[in-house]
N, C-alpha and C. Protein backbone atom coordinates (compact mmCIF):
# COMPACT_ATOMS: atom_id res chain seq x y z
N MET A 1 0.84 -1.16 0.00
CA MET A 1 0.00 0.00 0.00
C MET A 1 0.89 1.23 0.00
N ASP A 2 0.62 2.17 -0.87
CA ASP A 2 1.39 3.40 -0.95
C ASP A 2 0.42 4.56 -0.98
N GLN A 3 0.74 5.59 -0.23
CA GLN A 3 -0.10 6.77 -0.21
C GLN A 3 0.79 7.99 -0.32
N ASN A 4 0.27 9.01 -0.92
CA ASN A 4 0.98 10.28 -0.97
C ASN A 4 0.28 11.28 -0.07
N LYS A 5 1.04 11.95 0.75
CA LYS A 5 0.60 13.10 1.51
C LYS A 5 1.58 14.20 1.16
N PRO A 6 1.20 15.43 1.28
CA PRO A 6 2.18 16.48 0.99
C PRO A 6 3.43 16.31 1.85
N GLY A 7 4.57 16.14 1.18
CA GLY A 7 5.83 16.02 1.89
C GLY A 7 6.07 14.68 2.56
N LYS A 8 5.17 13.72 2.41
CA LYS A 8 5.32 12.41 3.05
C LYS A 8 5.05 11.30 2.05
N ARG A 9 5.71 10.18 2.25
CA ARG A 9 5.46 8.97 1.47
C ARG A 9 5.24 7.86 2.48
N ILE A 10 4.21 7.06 2.27
CA ILE A 10 3.91 5.94 3.17
C ILE A 10 4.14 4.65 2.40
N VAL A 11 4.98 3.79 2.97
CA VAL A 11 5.29 2.50 2.38
C VAL A 11 4.91 1.44 3.40
N SER A 12 4.14 0.43 2.98
CA SER A 12 3.75 -0.60 3.93
C SER A 12 3.61 -1.97 3.28
N ALA A 13 3.62 -2.98 4.14
CA ALA A 13 3.36 -4.36 3.73
C ALA A 13 2.66 -5.04 4.89
N SER A 14 1.77 -5.96 4.57
CA SER A 14 0.99 -6.68 5.58
C SER A 14 1.00 -8.17 5.29
N ALA A 15 0.79 -8.95 6.34
CA ALA A 15 0.70 -10.40 6.19
C ALA A 15 -0.06 -11.00 7.36
N VAL A 16 -0.65 -12.15 7.11
CA VAL A 16 -1.22 -12.95 8.19
C VAL A 16 -0.12 -13.88 8.66
N ILE A 17 0.18 -13.83 9.95
CA ILE A 17 1.23 -14.65 10.55
C ILE A 17 0.54 -15.78 11.33
N PRO A 18 0.90 -17.03 11.09
CA PRO A 18 0.22 -18.15 11.76
C PRO A 18 0.73 -18.38 13.19
N ALA A 19 0.59 -17.35 14.02
CA ALA A 19 0.99 -17.44 15.43
C ALA A 19 0.16 -16.43 16.21
N ARG A 20 0.01 -16.68 17.49
CA ARG A 20 -0.79 -15.79 18.34
C ARG A 20 -0.16 -14.40 18.43
N ARG A 21 -1.03 -13.41 18.56
CA ARG A 21 -0.61 -12.00 18.61
C ARG A 21 0.45 -11.76 19.67
N GLU A 22 0.29 -12.32 20.84
CA GLU A 22 1.24 -12.09 21.94
C GLU A 22 2.65 -12.57 21.57
N ARG A 23 2.72 -13.72 20.96
CA ARG A 23 4.03 -14.26 20.56
C ARG A 23 4.66 -13.40 19.47
N VAL A 24 3.88 -13.04 18.47
CA VAL A 24 4.38 -12.23 17.36
C VAL A 24 4.86 -10.88 17.88
N TYR A 25 4.04 -10.23 18.70
CA TYR A 25 4.41 -8.91 19.21
C TYR A 25 5.67 -8.99 20.08
N SER A 26 5.77 -10.04 20.88
CA SER A 26 6.95 -10.16 21.75
C SER A 26 8.23 -10.33 20.93
N LEU A 27 8.17 -10.99 19.80
CA LEU A 27 9.35 -11.10 18.93
C LEU A 27 9.74 -9.74 18.36
N ILE A 28 8.76 -9.00 17.89
CA ILE A 28 9.03 -7.68 17.31
C ILE A 28 9.59 -6.74 18.37
N ALA A 29 9.02 -6.74 19.55
CA ALA A 29 9.39 -5.78 20.60
C ALA A 29 10.70 -6.10 21.30
N ASN A 30 11.20 -7.34 21.17
CA ASN A 30 12.43 -7.73 21.84
C ASN A 30 13.62 -7.49 20.92
N TYR A 31 14.27 -6.34 21.09
CA TYR A 31 15.37 -5.93 20.22
C TYR A 31 16.68 -6.62 20.55
N ARG A 32 16.72 -7.37 21.64
CA ARG A 32 17.93 -8.13 21.97
C ARG A 32 17.92 -9.52 21.33
N ASP A 33 16.78 -10.21 21.41
CA ASP A 33 16.73 -11.60 20.96
C ASP A 33 15.74 -11.88 19.84
N GLY A 34 14.65 -11.15 19.75
CA GLY A 34 13.62 -11.45 18.76
C GLY A 34 13.77 -10.70 17.46
N HIS A 35 13.78 -9.39 17.55
CA HIS A 35 13.80 -8.54 16.36
C HIS A 35 14.99 -8.83 15.43
N PRO A 36 16.20 -9.04 15.97
CA PRO A 36 17.32 -9.33 15.06
C PRO A 36 17.09 -10.56 14.18
N ARG A 37 16.29 -11.52 14.67
CA ARG A 37 16.07 -12.76 13.91
C ARG A 37 15.08 -12.61 12.77
N ILE A 38 14.36 -11.49 12.73
CA ILE A 38 13.38 -11.32 11.65
C ILE A 38 13.86 -10.32 10.59
N LEU A 39 14.99 -9.68 10.82
CA LEU A 39 15.46 -8.67 9.88
C LEU A 39 16.05 -9.28 8.61
N PRO A 40 15.72 -8.71 7.46
CA PRO A 40 16.37 -9.14 6.21
C PRO A 40 17.86 -8.80 6.24
N LYS A 41 18.62 -9.40 5.32
CA LYS A 41 20.08 -9.26 5.32
C LYS A 41 20.53 -7.82 5.08
N GLN A 42 19.67 -6.97 4.54
CA GLN A 42 20.06 -5.58 4.30
C GLN A 42 20.20 -4.78 5.60
N PHE A 43 19.67 -5.33 6.70
CA PHE A 43 19.82 -4.72 8.02
C PHE A 43 20.89 -5.50 8.78
N SER A 44 21.83 -4.79 9.39
CA SER A 44 22.89 -5.49 10.11
C SER A 44 23.33 -4.69 11.33
N ASN A 45 24.13 -5.34 12.15
CA ASN A 45 24.75 -4.72 13.33
C ASN A 45 23.74 -4.02 14.24
N LEU A 46 22.60 -4.66 14.49
CA LEU A 46 21.62 -4.09 15.41
C LEU A 46 22.20 -4.09 16.81
N MET A 47 22.31 -2.91 17.38
CA MET A 47 22.85 -2.75 18.73
C MET A 47 21.80 -2.06 19.60
N VAL A 48 21.61 -2.56 20.80
CA VAL A 48 20.71 -1.92 21.75
C VAL A 48 21.54 -0.96 22.58
N GLU A 49 21.20 0.31 22.52
CA GLU A 49 21.91 1.34 23.29
C GLU A 49 21.27 1.56 24.65
N GLN A 50 19.98 1.30 24.73
CA GLN A 50 19.24 1.52 25.97
C GLN A 50 18.04 0.57 25.99
N GLY A 51 17.70 0.05 27.15
CA GLY A 51 16.54 -0.82 27.26
C GLY A 51 16.78 -2.14 26.55
N GLY A 52 15.85 -2.52 25.71
CA GLY A 52 16.00 -3.77 24.96
C GLY A 52 14.67 -4.37 24.56
N VAL A 53 13.63 -4.10 25.36
CA VAL A 53 12.31 -4.64 25.05
C VAL A 53 11.29 -3.51 25.13
N GLY A 54 10.65 -3.24 24.00
CA GLY A 54 9.55 -2.28 23.96
C GLY A 54 9.93 -0.84 24.23
N ALA A 55 8.97 -0.11 24.80
CA ALA A 55 9.11 1.32 25.02
C ALA A 55 10.36 1.66 25.81
N GLY A 56 11.02 2.74 25.41
CA GLY A 56 12.23 3.19 26.08
C GLY A 56 13.51 2.63 25.48
N THR A 57 13.37 1.69 24.56
CA THR A 57 14.54 1.11 23.91
C THR A 57 15.08 2.11 22.88
N VAL A 58 16.40 2.18 22.78
CA VAL A 58 17.06 2.95 21.73
C VAL A 58 17.99 1.98 21.02
N ILE A 59 17.88 1.95 19.68
CA ILE A 59 18.68 1.03 18.88
C ILE A 59 19.52 1.78 17.85
N ARG A 60 20.55 1.09 17.40
CA ARG A 60 21.38 1.58 16.28
C ARG A 60 21.57 0.38 15.36
N PHE A 61 21.51 0.61 14.07
CA PHE A 61 21.70 -0.48 13.11
C PHE A 61 22.20 0.10 11.80
N GLN A 62 22.64 -0.80 10.93
CA GLN A 62 23.06 -0.38 9.61
C GLN A 62 22.11 -0.94 8.57
N MET A 63 21.91 -0.16 7.52
CA MET A 63 21.07 -0.58 6.40
C MET A 63 21.91 -0.46 5.14
N SER A 64 21.95 -1.54 4.37
CA SER A 64 22.75 -1.56 3.14
C SER A 64 21.84 -1.46 1.92
N MET A 65 22.17 -0.55 1.04
CA MET A 65 21.46 -0.39 -0.23
C MET A 65 22.47 0.04 -1.28
N PHE A 66 22.45 -0.63 -2.41
CA PHE A 66 23.33 -0.29 -3.53
C PHE A 66 24.81 -0.28 -3.12
N GLY A 67 25.19 -1.19 -2.23
CA GLY A 67 26.58 -1.28 -1.81
C GLY A 67 27.00 -0.24 -0.79
N MET A 68 26.09 0.61 -0.35
CA MET A 68 26.41 1.63 0.65
C MET A 68 25.71 1.28 1.96
N LYS A 69 26.41 1.52 3.08
CA LYS A 69 25.82 1.28 4.39
C LYS A 69 25.52 2.62 5.04
N ARG A 70 24.35 2.68 5.65
CA ARG A 70 23.95 3.87 6.38
C ARG A 70 23.62 3.45 7.80
N THR A 71 24.14 4.18 8.78
CA THR A 71 23.84 3.89 10.19
C THR A 71 22.65 4.72 10.62
N LEU A 72 21.69 4.06 11.25
CA LEU A 72 20.48 4.72 11.73
C LEU A 72 20.31 4.45 13.21
N ARG A 73 19.69 5.40 13.91
CA ARG A 73 19.33 5.23 15.31
C ARG A 73 17.83 5.47 15.44
N ALA A 74 17.21 4.74 16.37
CA ALA A 74 15.77 4.90 16.56
C ALA A 74 15.42 4.74 18.03
N ALA A 75 14.42 5.49 18.44
CA ALA A 75 13.83 5.36 19.78
C ALA A 75 12.52 4.61 19.62
N ILE A 76 12.26 3.69 20.53
CA ILE A 76 11.08 2.83 20.45
C ILE A 76 10.02 3.33 21.44
N SER A 77 8.79 3.40 20.96
CA SER A 77 7.66 3.72 21.83
C SER A 77 6.56 2.69 21.56
N GLU A 78 5.62 2.62 22.48
CA GLU A 78 4.50 1.69 22.34
C GLU A 78 3.20 2.44 22.63
N PRO A 79 2.66 3.13 21.62
CA PRO A 79 1.42 3.86 21.85
C PRO A 79 0.26 2.95 22.28
N GLN A 80 0.31 1.70 21.85
CA GLN A 80 -0.67 0.69 22.28
C GLN A 80 0.12 -0.58 22.59
N PRO A 81 0.63 -0.72 23.83
CA PRO A 81 1.45 -1.89 24.17
C PRO A 81 0.73 -3.20 23.81
N GLY A 82 1.48 -4.09 23.18
CA GLY A 82 0.93 -5.37 22.77
C GLY A 82 0.30 -5.34 21.39
N SER A 83 0.11 -4.12 20.82
CA SER A 83 -0.50 -4.00 19.50
C SER A 83 0.26 -3.10 18.55
N VAL A 84 0.80 -1.98 19.05
CA VAL A 84 1.46 -1.01 18.17
C VAL A 84 2.81 -0.62 18.77
N LEU A 85 3.85 -0.79 17.97
CA LEU A 85 5.22 -0.43 18.35
C LEU A 85 5.74 0.54 17.28
N VAL A 86 6.40 1.61 17.71
CA VAL A 86 6.85 2.65 16.79
C VAL A 86 8.35 2.88 16.94
N GLU A 87 9.06 2.88 15.81
CA GLU A 87 10.46 3.26 15.76
C GLU A 87 10.53 4.67 15.17
N THR A 88 10.99 5.62 15.97
CA THR A 88 11.15 7.00 15.50
C THR A 88 12.63 7.23 15.28
N TYR A 89 13.02 7.53 14.05
CA TYR A 89 14.43 7.66 13.71
C TYR A 89 14.96 8.98 14.20
N LEU A 90 16.15 8.94 14.78
CA LEU A 90 16.72 10.07 15.49
C LEU A 90 17.66 10.92 14.66
N ASP A 91 17.69 10.70 13.36
CA ASP A 91 18.60 11.48 12.51
C ASP A 91 17.99 12.80 12.07
N GLY A 92 16.79 13.09 12.55
CA GLY A 92 16.20 14.38 12.29
C GLY A 92 15.41 14.51 11.00
N ASN A 93 15.27 13.41 10.23
CA ASN A 93 14.54 13.56 8.97
C ASN A 93 13.04 13.32 9.12
N GLY A 94 12.60 12.87 10.30
CA GLY A 94 11.17 12.69 10.53
C GLY A 94 10.59 11.36 10.12
N ALA A 95 11.41 10.39 9.75
CA ALA A 95 10.91 9.07 9.36
C ALA A 95 10.46 8.29 10.58
N VAL A 96 9.39 7.52 10.41
CA VAL A 96 8.81 6.71 11.49
C VAL A 96 8.36 5.38 10.90
N THR A 97 8.70 4.28 11.58
CA THR A 97 8.21 2.96 11.18
C THR A 97 7.32 2.42 12.29
N THR A 98 6.14 1.93 11.91
CA THR A 98 5.17 1.41 12.86
C THR A 98 4.90 -0.06 12.56
N PHE A 99 4.91 -0.87 13.61
CA PHE A 99 4.54 -2.28 13.54
C PHE A 99 3.19 -2.41 14.23
N THR A 100 2.18 -2.88 13.51
CA THR A 100 0.85 -3.06 14.07
C THR A 100 0.52 -4.55 14.04
N VAL A 101 0.17 -5.09 15.21
CA VAL A 101 -0.16 -6.51 15.33
C VAL A 101 -1.57 -6.61 15.90
N SER A 102 -2.46 -7.26 15.17
CA SER A 102 -3.83 -7.44 15.63
C SER A 102 -4.23 -8.90 15.46
N PRO A 103 -5.25 -9.32 16.20
CA PRO A 103 -5.68 -10.71 16.06
C PRO A 103 -6.15 -11.00 14.65
N GLY A 104 -5.86 -12.20 14.17
CA GLY A 104 -6.31 -12.63 12.85
C GLY A 104 -7.70 -13.20 12.92
N ASN A 105 -8.20 -13.69 11.79
CA ASN A 105 -9.53 -14.29 11.76
C ASN A 105 -9.57 -15.60 12.53
N ALA A 106 -8.49 -16.38 12.46
CA ALA A 106 -8.40 -17.62 13.23
C ALA A 106 -7.77 -17.29 14.59
N PRO A 107 -8.11 -18.04 15.63
CA PRO A 107 -7.59 -17.73 16.96
C PRO A 107 -6.06 -17.74 17.05
N ALA A 108 -5.41 -18.56 16.23
CA ALA A 108 -3.95 -18.66 16.31
C ALA A 108 -3.24 -17.82 15.25
N ASP A 109 -3.94 -16.89 14.61
CA ASP A 109 -3.33 -16.04 13.59
C ASP A 109 -3.22 -14.60 14.07
N SER A 110 -2.29 -13.87 13.46
CA SER A 110 -2.11 -12.44 13.72
C SER A 110 -2.02 -11.72 12.38
N ASN A 111 -2.59 -10.55 12.34
CA ASN A 111 -2.42 -9.65 11.20
C ASN A 111 -1.31 -8.68 11.56
N VAL A 112 -0.29 -8.59 10.72
CA VAL A 112 0.86 -7.72 11.00
C VAL A 112 1.06 -6.78 9.82
N THR A 113 1.23 -5.50 10.13
CA THR A 113 1.53 -4.49 9.12
C THR A 113 2.75 -3.70 9.55
N ILE A 114 3.68 -3.54 8.62
CA ILE A 114 4.85 -2.68 8.83
C ILE A 114 4.64 -1.48 7.92
N THR A 115 4.68 -0.28 8.50
CA THR A 115 4.44 0.95 7.75
C THR A 115 5.53 1.96 8.07
N THR A 116 6.12 2.55 7.04
CA THR A 116 7.07 3.63 7.25
C THR A 116 6.55 4.88 6.58
N GLU A 117 6.58 5.97 7.34
CA GLU A 117 6.23 7.28 6.80
C GLU A 117 7.54 8.05 6.64
N LEU A 118 7.83 8.43 5.41
CA LEU A 118 9.08 9.10 5.07
C LEU A 118 8.81 10.51 4.57
N PRO A 119 9.66 11.44 4.96
CA PRO A 119 9.54 12.77 4.36
C PRO A 119 10.10 12.74 2.93
N VAL A 120 9.45 13.44 2.01
CA VAL A 120 9.96 13.58 0.64
C VAL A 120 9.77 15.03 0.21
N ARG A 121 10.56 15.41 -0.74
CA ARG A 121 10.42 16.75 -1.30
C ARG A 121 9.11 16.86 -2.06
N SER A 122 8.67 18.07 -2.28
CA SER A 122 7.46 18.27 -3.06
C SER A 122 7.81 18.24 -4.55
N GLY A 123 6.78 18.14 -5.36
CA GLY A 123 6.97 18.21 -6.80
C GLY A 123 7.54 16.95 -7.41
N PHE A 124 8.15 17.13 -8.56
CA PHE A 124 8.68 16.02 -9.35
C PHE A 124 9.72 15.21 -8.58
N LEU A 125 10.68 15.90 -7.91
CA LEU A 125 11.70 15.18 -7.14
C LEU A 125 11.09 14.36 -6.02
N GLY A 126 10.06 14.88 -5.40
CA GLY A 126 9.38 14.14 -4.34
C GLY A 126 8.72 12.88 -4.87
N ARG A 127 8.13 12.96 -6.07
CA ARG A 127 7.52 11.77 -6.66
C ARG A 127 8.58 10.72 -6.97
N ILE A 128 9.74 11.16 -7.44
CA ILE A 128 10.84 10.22 -7.70
C ILE A 128 11.31 9.59 -6.40
N GLU A 129 11.54 10.42 -5.37
CA GLU A 129 11.96 9.89 -4.07
C GLU A 129 10.95 8.88 -3.53
N GLY A 130 9.67 9.22 -3.64
CA GLY A 130 8.63 8.32 -3.14
C GLY A 130 8.60 7.00 -3.88
N THR A 131 8.75 7.05 -5.19
CA THR A 131 8.75 5.83 -5.99
C THR A 131 9.94 4.96 -5.64
N ILE A 132 11.11 5.56 -5.51
CA ILE A 132 12.32 4.80 -5.16
C ILE A 132 12.19 4.22 -3.76
N SER A 133 11.68 5.00 -2.82
CA SER A 133 11.50 4.52 -1.44
C SER A 133 10.60 3.28 -1.42
N THR A 134 9.51 3.35 -2.15
CA THR A 134 8.59 2.21 -2.21
C THR A 134 9.28 1.01 -2.84
N TRP A 135 9.96 1.24 -3.93
CA TRP A 135 10.66 0.18 -4.65
C TRP A 135 11.71 -0.50 -3.78
N LEU A 136 12.39 0.27 -2.91
CA LEU A 136 13.42 -0.28 -2.04
C LEU A 136 12.86 -0.92 -0.78
N LEU A 137 11.94 -0.24 -0.11
CA LEU A 137 11.50 -0.68 1.22
C LEU A 137 10.45 -1.79 1.21
N ARG A 138 9.49 -1.71 0.31
CA ARG A 138 8.41 -2.70 0.36
C ARG A 138 8.90 -4.14 0.28
N PRO A 139 9.82 -4.49 -0.64
CA PRO A 139 10.33 -5.87 -0.66
C PRO A 139 11.04 -6.26 0.65
N LEU A 140 11.70 -5.30 1.29
CA LEU A 140 12.34 -5.60 2.58
C LEU A 140 11.29 -5.95 3.63
N TYR A 141 10.19 -5.22 3.64
CA TYR A 141 9.13 -5.48 4.61
C TYR A 141 8.45 -6.81 4.33
N VAL A 142 8.27 -7.16 3.06
CA VAL A 142 7.70 -8.47 2.72
C VAL A 142 8.62 -9.57 3.24
N LYS A 143 9.92 -9.44 3.06
CA LYS A 143 10.88 -10.43 3.55
C LYS A 143 10.87 -10.47 5.08
N GLU A 144 10.79 -9.32 5.72
CA GLU A 144 10.74 -9.28 7.19
C GLU A 144 9.50 -10.00 7.71
N LEU A 145 8.38 -9.82 7.04
CA LEU A 145 7.16 -10.53 7.44
C LEU A 145 7.29 -12.03 7.21
N GLU A 146 7.94 -12.44 6.12
CA GLU A 146 8.20 -13.87 5.89
C GLU A 146 9.08 -14.43 7.00
N ASN A 147 10.12 -13.69 7.37
CA ASN A 147 11.00 -14.12 8.46
C ASN A 147 10.23 -14.20 9.78
N LEU A 148 9.36 -13.23 10.03
CA LEU A 148 8.55 -13.22 11.25
C LEU A 148 7.66 -14.46 11.30
N ALA A 149 7.06 -14.82 10.18
CA ALA A 149 6.21 -16.02 10.14
C ALA A 149 7.03 -17.27 10.46
N ARG A 150 8.23 -17.35 9.87
CA ARG A 150 9.09 -18.52 10.10
C ARG A 150 9.53 -18.60 11.55
N VAL A 151 10.00 -17.49 12.10
CA VAL A 151 10.53 -17.49 13.47
C VAL A 151 9.41 -17.68 14.50
N SER A 152 8.26 -17.07 14.26
CA SER A 152 7.17 -17.15 15.25
C SER A 152 6.51 -18.51 15.32
N THR A 153 6.67 -19.32 14.28
CA THR A 153 6.06 -20.66 14.31
C THR A 153 7.06 -21.73 14.75
N GLY A 154 8.32 -21.37 14.91
CA GLY A 154 9.33 -22.31 15.37
C GLY A 154 9.48 -22.23 16.88
N PRO A 155 10.40 -23.01 17.44
CA PRO A 155 10.67 -22.93 18.86
C PRO A 155 11.15 -21.51 19.20
N PHE A 156 10.73 -20.97 20.31
CA PHE A 156 11.03 -19.57 20.64
C PHE A 156 12.52 -19.33 20.69
N GLY A 157 13.29 -20.29 21.12
CA GLY A 157 14.74 -20.10 21.20
C GLY A 157 15.47 -20.40 19.91
N ALA A 158 14.76 -20.87 18.88
CA ALA A 158 15.42 -21.25 17.63
C ALA A 158 15.84 -20.06 16.81
């Protein structure tokens, strides 16, 4: 799903995960043991600077694209603990990634959506930035959701 807002681009991906909401959310919120196991290979060197689980956690990680690595830092909040977790990037550009976990139609399923809101320039350059952002990020989120499904259905320590 992609939406345009003035100065913003929204990139998201969703999936039904065959595991209970509590288990899925706990994997996402645990930046020491759970979250690193669901990240695609383009994300590396996830370090916990503060906290480690849920709200109050501060992380640093690297993201590789086109052979270049960029280091990012994010503060974690939980506007709805157990359902919504937000990574607010601290580099000052205003980007925010939200993980939303809700019960699925079956009792043992969860609906998970990863959404990033990115600032983009207005006009033609903004449309190009938005298109490239979607082209780069959406496949990463699809892979992250696939990894989440695999990890959440296996043994918790696996």
